[in-house]
Amino acid sequence: MGQVIQFVSKSERERVRLIKEARAIYDSIFPPADPAGERRDTASIGRAGGGDVGNLA
């Protein structure tokens, strides 16, 4: 009963999809130096508030 449903627009979903695709392409060209380490900047992609997406490098 206390659940909150957050609307995410189609354009926001497409933006997130394109960012993930670009990151995958970048990582295939420039593999991470530490493949066992976790990515620290993935939390910024999941937010729907807009603004800065984080560093794609």
PDB file of N, CA and C in Angstrom:
ATOM      1  N   MET A   1       0.807  -1.186   0.000  1.00  0.00           N
ATOM      2  CA  MET A   1       0.000   0.000   0.000  1.00  0.00           C
ATOM      3  C   MET A   1       0.859   1.263   0.000  1.00  0.00           C
ATOM      4  N   GLY A   2       2.038   1.231   0.537  1.00  0.00           N
ATOM      5  CA  GLY A   2       2.912   2.392   0.598  1.00  0.00           C
ATOM      6  C   GLY A   2       3.871   2.496  -0.569  1.00  0.00           C
ATOM      7  N   GLN A   3       3.617   1.779  -1.656  1.00  0.00           N
ATOM      8  CA  GLN A   3       4.535   1.799  -2.783  1.00  0.00           C
ATOM      9  C   GLN A   3       4.357   3.072  -3.605  1.00  0.00           C
ATOM     10  N   VAL A   4       5.472   3.551  -4.149  1.00  0.00           N
ATOM     11  CA  VAL A   4       5.461   4.717  -5.020  1.00  0.00           C
ATOM     12  C   VAL A   4       5.872   4.265  -6.406  1.00  0.00           C
ATOM     13  N   ILE A   5       5.076   4.594  -7.383  1.00  0.00           N
ATOM     14  CA  ILE A   5       5.386   4.249  -8.765  1.00  0.00           C
ATOM     15  C   ILE A   5       5.891   5.510  -9.441  1.00  0.00           C
ATOM     16  N   GLN A   6       7.100   5.425  -9.998  1.00  0.00           N
ATOM     17  CA  GLN A   6       7.710   6.589 -10.618  1.00  0.00           C
ATOM     18  C   GLN A   6       7.584   6.463 -12.138  1.00  0.00           C
ATOM     19  N   PHE A   7       7.043   7.471 -12.769  1.00  0.00           N
ATOM     20  CA  PHE A   7       6.916   7.495 -14.220  1.00  0.00           C
ATOM     21  C   PHE A   7       8.260   7.858 -14.839  1.00  0.00           C
ATOM     22  N   VAL A   8       8.680   7.057 -15.818  1.00  0.00           N
ATOM     23  CA  VAL A   8       9.898   7.342 -16.563  1.00  0.00           C
ATOM     24  C   VAL A   8       9.490   7.482 -18.021  1.00  0.00           C
ATOM     25  N   SER A   9       9.745   8.636 -18.585  1.00  0.00           N
ATOM     26  CA  SER A   9       9.318   8.907 -19.952  1.00  0.00           C
ATOM     27  C   SER A   9      10.060   8.033 -20.956  1.00  0.00           C
ATOM     28  N   LYS A  10       9.464   7.910 -22.127  1.00  0.00           N
ATOM     29  CA  LYS A  10      10.069   7.119 -23.194  1.00  0.00           C
ATOM     30  C   LYS A  10      11.425   7.706 -23.596  1.00  0.00           C
ATOM     31  N   SER A  11      11.512   9.023 -23.641  1.00  0.00           N
ATOM     32  CA  SER A  11      12.775   9.657 -24.021  1.00  0.00           C
ATOM     33  C   SER A  11      13.868   9.390 -22.976  1.00  0.00           C
ATOM     34  N   GLU A  12      13.482   9.356 -21.695  1.00  0.00           N
ATOM     35  CA  GLU A  12      14.460   9.061 -20.636  1.00  0.00           C
ATOM     36  C   GLU A  12      14.960   7.620 -20.754  1.00  0.00           C
ATOM     37  N   ARG A  13      14.055   6.685 -21.019  1.00  0.00           N
ATOM     38  CA  ARG A  13      14.472   5.281 -21.209  1.00  0.00           C
ATOM     39  C   ARG A  13      15.406   5.155 -22.404  1.00  0.00           C
ATOM     40  N   GLU A  14      15.112   5.870 -23.488  1.00  0.00           N
ATOM     41  CA  GLU A  14      15.959   5.824 -24.678  1.00  0.00           C
ATOM     42  C   GLU A  14      17.328   6.436 -24.379  1.00  0.00           C
ATOM     43  N   ARG A  15      17.358   7.530 -23.626  1.00  0.00           N
ATOM     44  CA  ARG A  15      18.627   8.160 -23.247  1.00  0.00           C
ATOM     45  C   ARG A  15      19.495   7.200 -22.446  1.00  0.00           C
ATOM     46  N   VAL A  16      18.881   6.505 -21.493  1.00  0.00           N
ATOM     47  CA  VAL A  16      19.619   5.546 -20.666  1.00  0.00           C
ATOM     48  C   VAL A  16      20.118   4.387 -21.522  1.00  0.00           C
ATOM     49  N   ARG A  17      19.288   3.926 -22.458  1.00  0.00           N
ATOM     50  CA  ARG A  17      19.695   2.834 -23.352  1.00  0.00           C
ATOM     51  C   ARG A  17      20.895   3.256 -24.204  1.00  0.00           C
ATOM     52  N   LEU A  18      20.855   4.456 -24.749  1.00  0.00           N
ATOM     53  CA  LEU A  18      21.957   4.943 -25.578  1.00  0.00           C
ATOM     54  C   LEU A  18      23.245   5.118 -24.777  1.00  0.00           C
ATOM     55  N   ILE A  19      23.125   5.572 -23.546  1.00  0.00           N
ATOM     56  CA  ILE A  19      24.304   5.711 -22.684  1.00  0.00           C
ATOM     57  C   ILE A  19      24.927   4.350 -22.411  1.00  0.00           C
ATOM     58  N   LYS A  20      24.087   3.349 -22.104  1.00  0.00           N
ATOM     59  CA  LYS A  20      24.609   1.998 -21.857  1.00  0.00           C
ATOM     60  C   LYS A  20      25.286   1.438 -23.097  1.00  0.00           C
ATOM     61  N   GLU A  21      24.681   1.671 -24.259  1.00  0.00           N
ATOM     62  CA  GLU A  21      25.264   1.189 -25.504  1.00  0.00           C
ATOM     63  C   GLU A  21      26.600   1.867 -25.781  1.00  0.00           C
ATOM     64  N   ALA A  22      26.657   3.177 -25.574  1.00  0.00           N
ATOM     65  CA  ALA A  22      27.911   3.911 -25.788  1.00  0.00           C
ATOM     66  C   ALA A  22      28.992   3.432 -24.823  1.00  0.00           C
ATOM     67  N   ARG A  23      28.608   3.171 -23.571  1.00  0.00           N
ATOM     68  CA  ARG A  23      29.573   2.687 -22.579  1.00  0.00           C
ATOM     69  C   ARG A  23      30.123   1.309 -22.973  1.00  0.00           C
ATOM     70  N   ALA A  24      29.243   0.453 -23.481  1.00  0.00           N
ATOM     71  CA  ALA A  24      29.680  -0.885 -23.907  1.00  0.00           C
ATOM     72  C   ALA A  24      30.654  -0.786 -25.080  1.00  0.00           C
ATOM     73  N   ILE A  25      30.366   0.099 -26.027  1.00  0.00           N
ATOM     74  CA  ILE A  25      31.269   0.296 -27.167  1.00  0.00           C
ATOM     75  C   ILE A  25      32.613   0.840 -26.692  1.00  0.00           C
ATOM     76  N   TYR A  26      32.568   1.834 -25.811  1.00  0.00           N
ATOM     77  CA  TYR A  26      33.802   2.420 -25.279  1.00  0.00           C
ATOM     78  C   TYR A  26      34.626   1.355 -24.554  1.00  0.00           C
ATOM     79  N   ASP A  27      33.963   0.554 -23.716  1.00  0.00           N
ATOM     80  CA  ASP A  27      34.681  -0.487 -22.967  1.00  0.00           C
ATOM     81  C   ASP A  27      35.236  -1.571 -23.881  1.00  0.00           C
ATOM     82  N   SER A  28      34.590  -1.817 -25.029  1.00  0.00           N
ATOM     83  CA  SER A  28      35.125  -2.812 -25.958  1.00  0.00           C
ATOM     84  C   SER A  28      36.377  -2.286 -26.659  1.00  0.00           C
ATOM     85  N   ILE A  29      36.451  -0.965 -26.845  1.00  0.00           N
ATOM     86  CA  ILE A  29      37.624  -0.371 -27.484  1.00  0.00           C
ATOM     87  C   ILE A  29      38.728  -0.125 -26.466  1.00  0.00           C
ATOM     88  N   PHE A  30      38.355   0.398 -25.303  1.00  0.00           N
ATOM     89  CA  PHE A  30      39.301   0.696 -24.230  1.00  0.00           C
ATOM     90  C   PHE A  30      38.904  -0.098 -22.991  1.00  0.00           C
ATOM     91  N   PRO A  31      39.361  -1.352 -22.886  1.00  0.00           N
ATOM     92  CA  PRO A  31      38.972  -2.179 -21.736  1.00  0.00           C
ATOM     93  C   PRO A  31      39.392  -1.533 -20.414  1.00  0.00           C
ATOM     94  N   PRO A  32      38.574  -1.708 -19.388  1.00  0.00           N
ATOM     95  CA  PRO A  32      38.932  -1.163 -18.075  1.00  0.00           C
ATOM     96  C   PRO A  32      40.256  -1.737 -17.593  1.00  0.00           C
ATOM     97  N   ALA A  33      41.027  -0.922 -16.878  1.00  0.00           N
ATOM     98  CA  ALA A  33      42.330  -1.353 -16.381  1.00  0.00           C
ATOM     99  C   ALA A  33      42.173  -2.473 -15.353  1.00  0.00           C
ATOM    100  N   ASP A  34      41.084  -2.441 -14.575  1.00  0.00           N
ATOM    101  CA  ASP A  34      40.836  -3.446 -13.543  1.00  0.00           C
ATOM    102  C   ASP A  34      39.519  -4.164 -13.845  1.00  0.00           C
ATOM    103  N   PRO A  35      39.546  -5.231 -14.650  1.00  0.00           N
ATOM    104  CA  PRO A  35      38.298  -5.903 -15.026  1.00  0.00           C
ATOM    105  C   PRO A  35      37.576  -6.536 -13.840  1.00  0.00           C
ATOM    106  N   ALA A  36      38.274  -6.808 -12.742  1.00  0.00           N
ATOM    107  CA  ALA A  36      37.637  -7.415 -11.576  1.00  0.00           C
ATOM    108  C   ALA A  36      36.952  -6.378 -10.705  1.00  0.00           C
ATOM    109  N   GLY A  37      37.312  -5.116 -10.866  1.00  0.00           N
ATOM    110  CA  GLY A  37      36.739  -4.052 -10.036  1.00  0.00           C
ATOM    111  C   GLY A  37      35.332  -3.680 -10.500  1.00  0.00           C
ATOM    112  N   GLU A  38      34.560  -3.149  -9.575  1.00  0.00           N
ATOM    113  CA  GLU A  38      33.203  -2.726  -9.910  1.00  0.00           C
ATOM    114  C   GLU A  38      33.228  -1.312 -10.468  1.00  0.00           C
ATOM    115  N   ARG A  39      32.259  -1.009 -11.314  1.00  0.00           N
ATOM    116  CA  ARG A  39      32.123   0.343 -11.839  1.00  0.00           C
ATOM    117  C   ARG A  39      31.482   1.215 -10.782  1.00  0.00           C
ATOM    118  N   ARG A  40      32.074   2.372 -10.534  1.00  0.00           N
ATOM    119  CA  ARG A  40      31.576   3.249  -9.486  1.00  0.00           C
ATOM    120  C   ARG A  40      30.501   4.203  -9.987  1.00  0.00           C
ATOM    121  N   ASP A  41      30.428   4.454 -11.295  1.00  0.00           N
ATOM    122  CA  ASP A  41      29.537   5.482 -11.797  1.00  0.00           C
ATOM    123  C   ASP A  41      28.225   4.953 -12.360  1.00  0.00           C
ATOM    124  N   THR A  42      27.880   3.700 -12.160  1.00  0.00           N
ATOM    125  CA  THR A  42      26.643   3.156 -12.712  1.00  0.00           C
ATOM    126  C   THR A  42      25.419   3.650 -11.970  1.00  0.00           C
ATOM    127  N   ALA A  43      25.550   4.064 -10.728  1.00  0.00           N
ATOM    128  CA  ALA A  43      24.389   4.546  -9.977  1.00  0.00           C
ATOM    129  C   ALA A  43      23.845   5.833 -10.571  1.00  0.00           C
ATOM    130  N   SER A  44      24.679   6.630 -11.175  1.00  0.00           N
ATOM    131  CA  SER A  44      24.197   7.886 -11.733  1.00  0.00           C
ATOM    132  C   SER A  44      23.349   7.674 -12.974  1.00  0.00           C
ATOM    133  N   ILE A  45      23.495   6.562 -13.658  1.00  0.00           N
ATOM    134  CA  ILE A  45      22.705   6.301 -14.854  1.00  0.00           C
ATOM    135  C   ILE A  45      21.263   5.952 -14.493  1.00  0.00           C
ATOM    136  N   GLY A  46      21.081   5.279 -13.388  1.00  0.00           N
ATOM    137  CA  GLY A  46      19.762   4.809 -13.035  1.00  0.00           C
ATOM    138  C   GLY A  46      18.801   5.876 -12.539  1.00  0.00           C
ATOM    139  N   ARG A  47      19.286   7.048 -12.226  1.00  0.00           N
ATOM    140  CA  ARG A  47      18.384   8.053 -11.702  1.00  0.00           C
ATOM    141  C   ARG A  47      17.645   8.727 -12.847  1.00  0.00           C
ATOM    142  N   ALA A  48      16.399   9.059 -12.612  1.00  0.00           N
ATOM    143  CA  ALA A  48      15.558   9.636 -13.664  1.00  0.00           C
ATOM    144  C   ALA A  48      15.461  11.138 -13.563  1.00  0.00           C
ATOM    145  N   GLY A  49      16.239  11.751 -12.715  1.00  0.00           N
ATOM    146  CA  GLY A  49      16.140  13.179 -12.491  1.00  0.00           C
ATOM    147  C   GLY A  49      16.794  14.038 -13.549  1.00  0.00           C
ATOM    148  N   GLY A  50      17.493  13.453 -14.491  1.00  0.00           N
ATOM    149  CA  GLY A  50      18.175  14.226 -15.508  1.00  0.00           C
ATOM    150  C   GLY A  50      19.462  14.807 -14.964  1.00  0.00           C
ATOM    151  N   GLY A  51      19.945  15.847 -15.592  1.00  0.00           N
ATOM    152  CA  GLY A  51      21.183  16.462 -15.137  1.00  0.00           C
ATOM    153  C   GLY A  51      22.387  15.714 -15.663  1.00  0.00           C
ATOM    154  N   ASP A  52      23.473  15.830 -14.985  1.00  0.00           N
ATOM    155  CA  ASP A  52      24.716  15.201 -15.400  1.00  0.00           C
ATOM    156  C   ASP A  52      24.616  13.697 -15.264  1.00  0.00           C
ATOM    157  N   VAL A  53      24.998  12.995 -16.314  1.00  0.00           N
ATOM    158  CA  VAL A  53      24.891  11.544 -16.323  1.00  0.00           C
ATOM    159  C   VAL A  53      26.095  10.890 -15.672  1.00  0.00           C
ATOM    160  N   GLY A  54      27.149  11.602 -15.563  1.00  0.00           N
ATOM    161  CA  GLY A  54      28.375  11.027 -15.019  1.00  0.00           C
ATOM    162  C   GLY A  54      29.441  11.031 -16.087  1.00  0.00           C
ATOM    163  N   ASN A  55      30.581  10.614 -15.738  1.00  0.00           N
ATOM    164  CA  ASN A  55      31.694  10.612 -16.663  1.00  0.00           C
ATOM    165  C   ASN A  55      31.634   9.364 -17.521  1.00  0.00           C
ATOM    166  N   LEU A  56      31.541   9.516 -18.834  1.00  0.00           N
ATOM    167  CA  LEU A  56      31.486   8.364 -19.737  1.00  0.00           C
ATOM    168  C   LEU A  56      32.865   7.808 -20.010  1.00  0.00           C
ATOM    169  N   ALA A  57      33.905   8.463 -19.567  1.00  0.00           N
ATOM    170  CA  ALA A  57      35.263   7.990 -19.814  1.00  0.00           C
ATOM    171  C   ALA A  57      35.659   6.935 -18.830  1.00  0.00           C
TER     172      ALA A  57
END
